[in-house]
Amino acid sequence: MAQRGHGVVIGNGNCRTNPIHDSDAARACVDSLRPGPLEMPAGGPVVYTRREIVELAFGALNRNPIIHSVPTWALAPLPFLMRAANRRIAGLVEFGTVVSTVDCTAAHYGDRNLEDYFREAASALASSGRQPEGKEAQRRGNTVSA
């Protein structure tokens, strides 16, 4: 779907999160080894809605997404139905649904934001000579740029 310019959010896409970069998360882990509280909530420096994350990802590729909202009621029975076939996948679907439909923010930690990460990934993609695939990209003549 993403290659054809389509993004998906679960629910209305307005739930918020502040994703943390791997290097910032690693630093938080090291910092948590010091004496102090047993728990250290750590999130990235910027809070985004799920819909904004989809828009940022496509924006880094200079593409305008068509965003589809999957109603939560449509996903609710999936984990139950899948559990007999594959408990692990059923658990992942259940986790993904819950995480996408509630605010998941933590104390701001670190300084690397998701927008920069997407831009870096798009730049790496462009320097590798690859371009976004799909009919929409070809039709619009879109290319990857930093």
N, C-alpha and C. Protein backbone atom coordinates (compact mmCIF):
# COMPACT_ATOMS: atom_id res chain seq x y z
N MET A 1 0.82 -1.20 0.00
CA MET A 1 0.00 0.00 0.00
C MET A 1 0.86 1.26 0.00
N ALA A 2 1.91 1.25 0.81
CA ALA A 2 2.75 2.45 0.90
C ALA A 2 3.39 2.77 -0.44
N GLN A 3 3.76 1.75 -1.18
CA GLN A 3 4.38 1.99 -2.48
C GLN A 3 3.41 2.65 -3.45
N ARG A 4 2.12 2.46 -3.21
CA ARG A 4 1.11 3.09 -4.07
C ARG A 4 0.59 4.40 -3.50
N GLY A 5 1.23 4.88 -2.43
CA GLY A 5 0.85 6.16 -1.86
C GLY A 5 -0.24 6.10 -0.81
N HIS A 6 -0.50 4.91 -0.28
CA HIS A 6 -1.55 4.75 0.72
C HIS A 6 -0.93 4.48 2.09
N GLY A 7 -1.42 5.21 3.10
CA GLY A 7 -1.01 4.99 4.48
C GLY A 7 -2.22 4.57 5.29
N VAL A 8 -1.98 3.92 6.41
CA VAL A 8 -3.07 3.41 7.24
C VAL A 8 -2.89 3.87 8.67
N VAL A 9 -3.98 4.30 9.29
CA VAL A 9 -4.01 4.55 10.72
C VAL A 9 -5.14 3.73 11.31
N ILE A 10 -4.97 3.33 12.55
CA ILE A 10 -6.01 2.59 13.24
C ILE A 10 -6.82 3.59 14.05
N GLY A 11 -8.12 3.53 13.92
CA GLY A 11 -8.99 4.53 14.54
C GLY A 11 -8.90 5.82 13.75
N ASN A 12 -9.01 6.94 14.45
CA ASN A 12 -8.98 8.23 13.74
C ASN A 12 -7.57 8.77 13.54
N GLY A 13 -6.57 8.13 14.11
CA GLY A 13 -5.19 8.56 13.92
C GLY A 13 -4.79 9.73 14.79
N ASN A 14 -5.64 10.10 15.74
CA ASN A 14 -5.36 11.27 16.58
C ASN A 14 -4.66 10.93 17.89
N CYS A 15 -4.43 9.64 18.16
CA CYS A 15 -3.70 9.28 19.38
C CYS A 15 -2.25 9.71 19.23
N ARG A 16 -1.66 10.09 20.36
CA ARG A 16 -0.34 10.72 20.33
C ARG A 16 0.75 9.78 20.85
N THR A 17 1.95 10.02 20.34
CA THR A 17 3.12 9.27 20.79
C THR A 17 4.36 10.13 20.59
N ASN A 18 5.38 9.85 21.33
CA ASN A 18 6.66 10.55 21.11
C ASN A 18 7.76 9.50 20.97
N PRO A 19 7.91 8.99 19.73
CA PRO A 19 8.90 7.94 19.50
C PRO A 19 10.31 8.41 19.81
N ILE A 20 11.09 7.49 20.37
CA ILE A 20 12.46 7.82 20.76
C ILE A 20 13.43 7.13 19.81
N HIS A 21 14.48 7.82 19.43
CA HIS A 21 15.50 7.28 18.53
C HIS A 21 16.31 6.23 19.28
N ASP A 22 16.80 5.25 18.54
CA ASP A 22 17.59 4.17 19.15
C ASP A 22 18.75 4.68 20.00
N SER A 23 19.48 5.66 19.48
CA SER A 23 20.65 6.16 20.23
C SER A 23 20.22 6.88 21.51
N ASP A 24 19.09 7.59 21.46
CA ASP A 24 18.58 8.24 22.67
C ASP A 24 18.08 7.20 23.67
N ALA A 25 17.44 6.14 23.17
CA ALA A 25 16.97 5.06 24.05
C ALA A 25 18.15 4.35 24.71
N ALA A 26 19.21 4.14 23.95
CA ALA A 26 20.41 3.50 24.52
C ALA A 26 21.00 4.36 25.63
N ARG A 27 21.05 5.67 25.38
CA ARG A 27 21.58 6.58 26.40
C ARG A 27 20.68 6.57 27.65
N ALA A 28 19.37 6.48 27.45
CA ALA A 28 18.44 6.41 28.58
C ALA A 28 18.68 5.14 29.39
N CYS A 29 18.96 4.03 28.71
CA CYS A 29 19.25 2.78 29.41
C CYS A 29 20.50 2.91 30.27
N VAL A 30 21.54 3.50 29.71
CA VAL A 30 22.78 3.69 30.47
C VAL A 30 22.53 4.62 31.65
N ASP A 31 21.80 5.72 31.42
CA ASP A 31 21.50 6.66 32.50
C ASP A 31 20.68 6.00 33.60
N SER A 32 19.84 5.02 33.24
CA SER A 32 18.99 4.38 34.25
C SER A 32 19.78 3.44 35.15
N LEU A 33 21.02 3.13 34.79
CA LEU A 33 21.85 2.27 35.63
C LEU A 33 22.36 2.99 36.87
N ARG A 34 22.31 4.29 36.84
CA ARG A 34 22.74 5.07 38.01
C ARG A 34 21.72 4.90 39.14
N PRO A 35 22.16 5.09 40.36
CA PRO A 35 21.21 4.98 41.48
C PRO A 35 20.06 5.98 41.30
N GLY A 36 18.89 5.53 41.65
CA GLY A 36 17.72 6.39 41.52
C GLY A 36 16.47 5.55 41.34
N PRO A 37 15.47 6.11 40.69
CA PRO A 37 14.21 5.37 40.51
C PRO A 37 14.43 4.09 39.70
N LEU A 38 13.59 3.09 39.98
CA LEU A 38 13.70 1.81 39.27
C LEU A 38 13.10 1.89 37.87
N GLU A 39 12.30 2.89 37.63
CA GLU A 39 11.66 3.04 36.34
C GLU A 39 12.01 4.40 35.76
N MET A 40 12.30 4.42 34.46
CA MET A 40 12.66 5.68 33.82
C MET A 40 11.91 5.80 32.50
N PRO A 41 10.74 6.45 32.51
CA PRO A 41 10.02 6.63 31.25
C PRO A 41 10.82 7.54 30.32
N ALA A 42 10.92 7.16 29.07
CA ALA A 42 11.69 7.97 28.12
C ALA A 42 11.02 7.94 26.76
N GLY A 43 10.72 9.11 26.24
CA GLY A 43 10.16 9.25 24.90
C GLY A 43 10.96 10.28 24.14
N GLY A 44 10.71 10.38 22.88
CA GLY A 44 11.42 11.35 22.06
C GLY A 44 11.03 12.78 22.39
N PRO A 45 11.72 13.74 21.79
CA PRO A 45 11.51 15.15 22.12
C PRO A 45 10.24 15.77 21.53
N VAL A 46 9.62 15.10 20.54
CA VAL A 46 8.45 15.68 19.87
C VAL A 46 7.29 14.69 19.94
N VAL A 47 6.10 15.21 20.25
CA VAL A 47 4.89 14.39 20.28
C VAL A 47 4.17 14.54 18.95
N TYR A 48 3.81 13.40 18.35
CA TYR A 48 3.10 13.36 17.07
C TYR A 48 1.83 12.55 17.23
N THR A 49 0.84 12.82 16.38
CA THR A 49 -0.30 11.92 16.28
C THR A 49 0.09 10.80 15.32
N ARG A 50 -0.64 9.71 15.35
CA ARG A 50 -0.36 8.60 14.42
C ARG A 50 -0.51 9.08 12.97
N ARG A 51 -1.49 9.93 12.74
CA ARG A 51 -1.71 10.47 11.39
C ARG A 51 -0.52 11.33 10.96
N GLU A 52 0.00 12.14 11.87
CA GLU A 52 1.17 12.98 11.55
C GLU A 52 2.39 12.13 11.19
N ILE A 53 2.53 10.99 11.84
CA ILE A 53 3.67 10.11 11.54
C ILE A 53 3.58 9.60 10.11
N VAL A 54 2.38 9.20 9.69
CA VAL A 54 2.20 8.76 8.30
C VAL A 54 2.52 9.91 7.35
N GLU A 55 2.03 11.10 7.66
CA GLU A 55 2.29 12.27 6.81
C GLU A 55 3.78 12.60 6.75
N LEU A 56 4.47 12.50 7.88
CA LEU A 56 5.92 12.76 7.90
C LEU A 56 6.69 11.76 7.04
N ALA A 57 6.31 10.49 7.14
CA ALA A 57 7.00 9.46 6.37
C ALA A 57 6.86 9.72 4.87
N PHE A 58 5.66 10.01 4.44
CA PHE A 58 5.45 10.29 3.02
C PHE A 58 6.06 11.62 2.63
N GLY A 59 6.00 12.60 3.52
CA GLY A 59 6.58 13.91 3.24
C GLY A 59 8.08 13.84 3.02
N ALA A 60 8.76 12.95 3.73
CA ALA A 60 10.21 12.79 3.55
C ALA A 60 10.53 12.31 2.14
N LEU A 61 9.55 11.66 1.52
CA LEU A 61 9.72 11.17 0.14
C LEU A 61 9.06 12.10 -0.87
N ASN A 62 8.63 13.27 -0.40
CA ASN A 62 7.93 14.24 -1.26
C ASN A 62 6.69 13.64 -1.91
N ARG A 63 5.95 12.90 -1.11
CA ARG A 63 4.72 12.26 -1.61
C ARG A 63 3.56 12.66 -0.72
N ASN A 64 2.40 12.79 -1.32
CA ASN A 64 1.17 13.08 -0.58
C ASN A 64 0.42 11.77 -0.39
N PRO A 65 0.26 11.33 0.86
CA PRO A 65 -0.40 10.05 1.08
C PRO A 65 -1.92 10.15 1.01
N ILE A 66 -2.52 9.05 0.66
CA ILE A 66 -3.95 8.86 0.84
C ILE A 66 -4.04 8.05 2.12
N ILE A 67 -4.61 8.64 3.17
CA ILE A 67 -4.61 7.98 4.47
C ILE A 67 -5.96 7.30 4.71
N HIS A 68 -5.90 6.02 5.00
CA HIS A 68 -7.09 5.22 5.29
C HIS A 68 -7.17 4.99 6.79
N SER A 69 -8.36 5.15 7.35
CA SER A 69 -8.58 4.88 8.77
C SER A 69 -9.30 3.55 8.90
N VAL A 70 -8.69 2.63 9.63
CA VAL A 70 -9.31 1.33 9.89
C VAL A 70 -10.02 1.44 11.23
N PRO A 71 -11.34 1.23 11.26
CA PRO A 71 -12.06 1.34 12.53
C PRO A 71 -11.60 0.27 13.53
N THR A 72 -11.51 0.67 14.78
CA THR A 72 -11.04 -0.27 15.81
C THR A 72 -11.97 -1.46 15.95
N TRP A 73 -13.27 -1.26 15.73
CA TRP A 73 -14.20 -2.38 15.85
C TRP A 73 -13.89 -3.47 14.82
N ALA A 74 -13.31 -3.09 13.69
CA ALA A 74 -12.98 -4.08 12.66
C ALA A 74 -11.79 -4.94 13.07
N LEU A 75 -10.91 -4.39 13.90
CA LEU A 75 -9.72 -5.14 14.32
C LEU A 75 -9.92 -5.90 15.63
N ALA A 76 -10.91 -5.50 16.41
CA ALA A 76 -11.10 -6.09 17.74
C ALA A 76 -11.20 -7.62 17.72
N PRO A 77 -11.94 -8.25 16.80
CA PRO A 77 -12.04 -9.71 16.85
C PRO A 77 -10.83 -10.45 16.26
N LEU A 78 -9.95 -9.75 15.55
CA LEU A 78 -8.83 -10.43 14.88
C LEU A 78 -7.93 -11.24 15.81
N PRO A 79 -7.46 -10.68 16.92
CA PRO A 79 -6.58 -11.49 17.79
C PRO A 79 -7.25 -12.78 18.26
N PHE A 80 -8.53 -12.69 18.61
CA PHE A 80 -9.26 -13.87 19.06
C PHE A 80 -9.32 -14.91 17.95
N LEU A 81 -9.64 -14.47 16.73
CA LEU A 81 -9.75 -15.39 15.61
C LEU A 81 -8.39 -15.97 15.20
N MET A 82 -7.34 -15.20 15.35
CA MET A 82 -6.01 -15.64 14.94
C MET A 82 -5.30 -16.51 15.97
N ARG A 83 -5.74 -16.43 17.22
CA ARG A 83 -5.02 -17.08 18.31
C ARG A 83 -4.82 -18.58 18.08
N ALA A 84 -5.82 -19.26 17.52
CA ALA A 84 -5.69 -20.70 17.29
C ALA A 84 -4.62 -21.00 16.25
N ALA A 85 -4.49 -20.15 15.25
CA ALA A 85 -3.53 -20.38 14.18
C ALA A 85 -2.11 -19.96 14.57
N ASN A 86 -2.00 -18.79 15.21
CA ASN A 86 -0.66 -18.29 15.55
C ASN A 86 -0.78 -17.30 16.71
N ARG A 87 -0.48 -17.78 17.89
CA ARG A 87 -0.62 -16.95 19.10
C ARG A 87 0.30 -15.72 19.06
N ARG A 88 1.49 -15.88 18.51
CA ARG A 88 2.44 -14.77 18.47
C ARG A 88 1.92 -13.64 17.58
N ILE A 89 1.46 -13.97 16.39
CA ILE A 89 0.93 -12.95 15.48
C ILE A 89 -0.33 -12.34 16.07
N ALA A 90 -1.15 -13.15 16.69
CA ALA A 90 -2.37 -12.62 17.33
C ALA A 90 -2.00 -11.61 18.41
N GLY A 91 -0.97 -11.91 19.18
CA GLY A 91 -0.52 -10.98 20.21
C GLY A 91 0.01 -9.68 19.62
N LEU A 92 0.73 -9.78 18.51
CA LEU A 92 1.24 -8.57 17.85
C LEU A 92 0.11 -7.71 17.31
N VAL A 93 -0.90 -8.34 16.74
CA VAL A 93 -2.05 -7.59 16.22
C VAL A 93 -2.78 -6.89 17.37
N GLU A 94 -2.97 -7.61 18.46
CA GLU A 94 -3.63 -7.02 19.62
C GLU A 94 -2.83 -5.85 20.18
N PHE A 95 -1.52 -6.04 20.32
CA PHE A 95 -0.65 -4.98 20.82
C PHE A 95 -0.70 -3.77 19.90
N GLY A 96 -0.57 -3.99 18.60
CA GLY A 96 -0.59 -2.89 17.64
C GLY A 96 -1.89 -2.11 17.67
N THR A 97 -2.99 -2.82 17.84
CA THR A 97 -4.29 -2.15 17.91
C THR A 97 -4.39 -1.29 19.15
N VAL A 98 -4.01 -1.84 20.29
CA VAL A 98 -4.10 -1.09 21.55
C VAL A 98 -3.18 0.12 21.52
N VAL A 99 -1.93 -0.08 21.11
CA VAL A 99 -0.96 1.02 21.09
C VAL A 99 -1.39 2.13 20.13
N SER A 100 -2.09 1.77 19.08
CA SER A 100 -2.51 2.77 18.09
C SER A 100 -3.77 3.52 18.49
N THR A 101 -4.43 3.08 19.54
CA THR A 101 -5.71 3.70 19.90
C THR A 101 -5.70 4.38 21.27
N VAL A 102 -4.53 4.47 21.89
CA VAL A 102 -4.40 5.21 23.14
C VAL A 102 -3.17 6.11 23.04
N ASP A 103 -3.16 7.18 23.79
CA ASP A 103 -1.97 8.03 23.82
C ASP A 103 -0.83 7.26 24.48
N CYS A 104 0.32 7.26 23.85
CA CYS A 104 1.51 6.58 24.37
C CYS A 104 2.66 7.58 24.40
N THR A 105 2.64 8.43 25.41
CA THR A 105 3.70 9.42 25.52
C THR A 105 4.47 9.19 26.82
N ALA A 106 5.71 9.59 26.81
CA ALA A 106 6.56 9.47 27.99
C ALA A 106 7.34 10.76 28.14
N ALA A 107 8.04 10.87 29.24
CA ALA A 107 8.87 12.05 29.47
C ALA A 107 9.82 12.24 28.30
N HIS A 108 9.99 13.48 27.88
CA HIS A 108 10.86 13.78 26.74
C HIS A 108 12.30 13.50 27.13
N TYR A 109 12.99 12.77 26.26
CA TYR A 109 14.37 12.41 26.51
C TYR A 109 15.10 12.42 25.16
N GLY A 110 16.29 12.91 25.15
CA GLY A 110 17.08 12.92 23.92
C GLY A 110 16.74 14.10 23.03
N ASP A 111 17.37 14.12 21.85
CA ASP A 111 17.18 15.27 20.98
C ASP A 111 16.95 14.90 19.52
N ARG A 112 16.87 13.62 19.21
CA ARG A 112 16.65 13.20 17.82
C ARG A 112 15.17 12.98 17.60
N ASN A 113 14.63 13.65 16.56
CA ASN A 113 13.19 13.51 16.33
C ASN A 113 12.91 12.66 15.09
N LEU A 114 11.67 12.25 14.96
CA LEU A 114 11.26 11.34 13.90
C LEU A 114 11.35 11.99 12.53
N GLU A 115 11.05 13.26 12.44
CA GLU A 115 11.11 13.96 11.16
C GLU A 115 12.53 13.91 10.58
N ASP A 116 13.53 14.16 11.43
CA ASP A 116 14.92 14.08 10.98
C ASP A 116 15.29 12.65 10.57
N TYR A 117 14.80 11.69 11.34
CA TYR A 117 15.07 10.29 11.02
C TYR A 117 14.52 9.93 9.64
N PHE A 118 13.28 10.33 9.36
CA PHE A 118 12.68 10.04 8.05
C PHE A 118 13.46 10.74 6.93
N ARG A 119 13.89 11.98 7.18
CA ARG A 119 14.67 12.69 6.16
C ARG A 119 16.00 11.98 5.88
N GLU A 120 16.66 11.52 6.95
CA GLU A 120 17.92 10.79 6.78
C GLU A 120 17.70 9.50 6.01
N ALA A 121 16.62 8.80 6.33
CA ALA A 121 16.32 7.54 5.62
C ALA A 121 16.02 7.82 4.15
N ALA A 122 15.28 8.89 3.87
CA ALA A 122 14.97 9.24 2.48
C ALA A 122 16.24 9.63 1.73
N SER A 123 17.13 10.34 2.40
CA SER A 123 18.39 10.74 1.79
C SER A 123 19.25 9.52 1.48
N ALA A 124 19.29 8.57 2.41
CA ALA A 124 20.05 7.34 2.18
C ALA A 124 19.46 6.56 1.02
N LEU A 125 18.14 6.54 0.93
CA LEU A 125 17.46 5.86 -0.17
C LEU A 125 17.82 6.53 -1.50
N ALA A 126 17.82 7.85 -1.51
CA ALA A 126 18.14 8.60 -2.73
C ALA A 126 19.59 8.37 -3.14
N SER A 127 20.50 8.37 -2.17
CA SER A 127 21.92 8.20 -2.52
C SER A 127 22.23 6.78 -2.97
N SER A 128 21.35 5.84 -2.64
CA SER A 128 21.55 4.46 -3.10
C SER A 128 21.05 4.29 -4.53
N GLY A 129 20.41 5.34 -5.06
CA GLY A 129 19.90 5.28 -6.43
C GLY A 129 18.50 4.72 -6.52
N ARG A 130 17.94 4.29 -5.40
CA ARG A 130 16.57 3.76 -5.41
C ARG A 130 15.58 4.89 -5.32
N GLN A 131 14.40 4.68 -5.85
CA GLN A 131 13.33 5.66 -5.79
C GLN A 131 12.08 4.97 -5.28
N PRO A 132 11.14 5.76 -4.75
CA PRO A 132 9.89 5.14 -4.32
C PRO A 132 9.25 4.44 -5.51
N GLU A 133 8.70 3.28 -5.25
CA GLU A 133 8.09 2.52 -6.32
C GLU A 133 6.59 2.73 -6.32
N GLY A 134 5.94 2.23 -7.32
CA GLY A 134 4.49 2.28 -7.38
C GLY A 134 4.00 3.21 -8.48
N LYS A 135 2.76 2.98 -8.85
CA LYS A 135 2.17 3.74 -9.95
C LYS A 135 2.05 5.21 -9.64
N GLU A 136 1.71 5.54 -8.38
CA GLU A 136 1.54 6.96 -8.05
C GLU A 136 2.85 7.72 -8.25
N ALA A 137 3.96 7.15 -7.79
CA ALA A 137 5.25 7.83 -7.93
C ALA A 137 5.62 7.98 -9.40
N GLN A 138 5.35 6.97 -10.20
CA GLN A 138 5.65 7.05 -11.62
C GLN A 138 4.76 8.07 -12.31
N ARG A 139 3.48 8.06 -11.97
CA ARG A 139 2.52 8.97 -12.59
C ARG A 139 2.85 10.42 -12.28
N ARG A 140 3.25 10.68 -11.05
CA ARG A 140 3.52 12.06 -10.64
C ARG A 140 4.96 12.47 -10.91
N GLY A 141 5.80 11.49 -11.25
CA GLY A 141 7.20 11.81 -11.47
C GLY A 141 7.93 12.13 -10.19
N ASN A 142 7.42 11.63 -9.05
CA ASN A 142 8.05 11.91 -7.76
C ASN A 142 9.40 11.22 -7.65
N THR A 143 10.31 11.88 -6.99
CA THR A 143 11.61 11.29 -6.69
C THR A 143 11.90 11.49 -5.23
N VAL A 144 12.84 10.74 -4.74
CA VAL A 144 13.26 10.88 -3.36
C VAL A 144 14.26 12.02 -3.29
N SER A 145 14.09 12.88 -2.30
CA SER A 145 15.06 13.95 -2.10
C SER A 145 15.29 14.14 -0.63
N ALA A 146 16.41 14.70 -0.29
CA ALA A 146 16.75 14.93 1.12
C ALA A 146 16.04 16.14 1.64
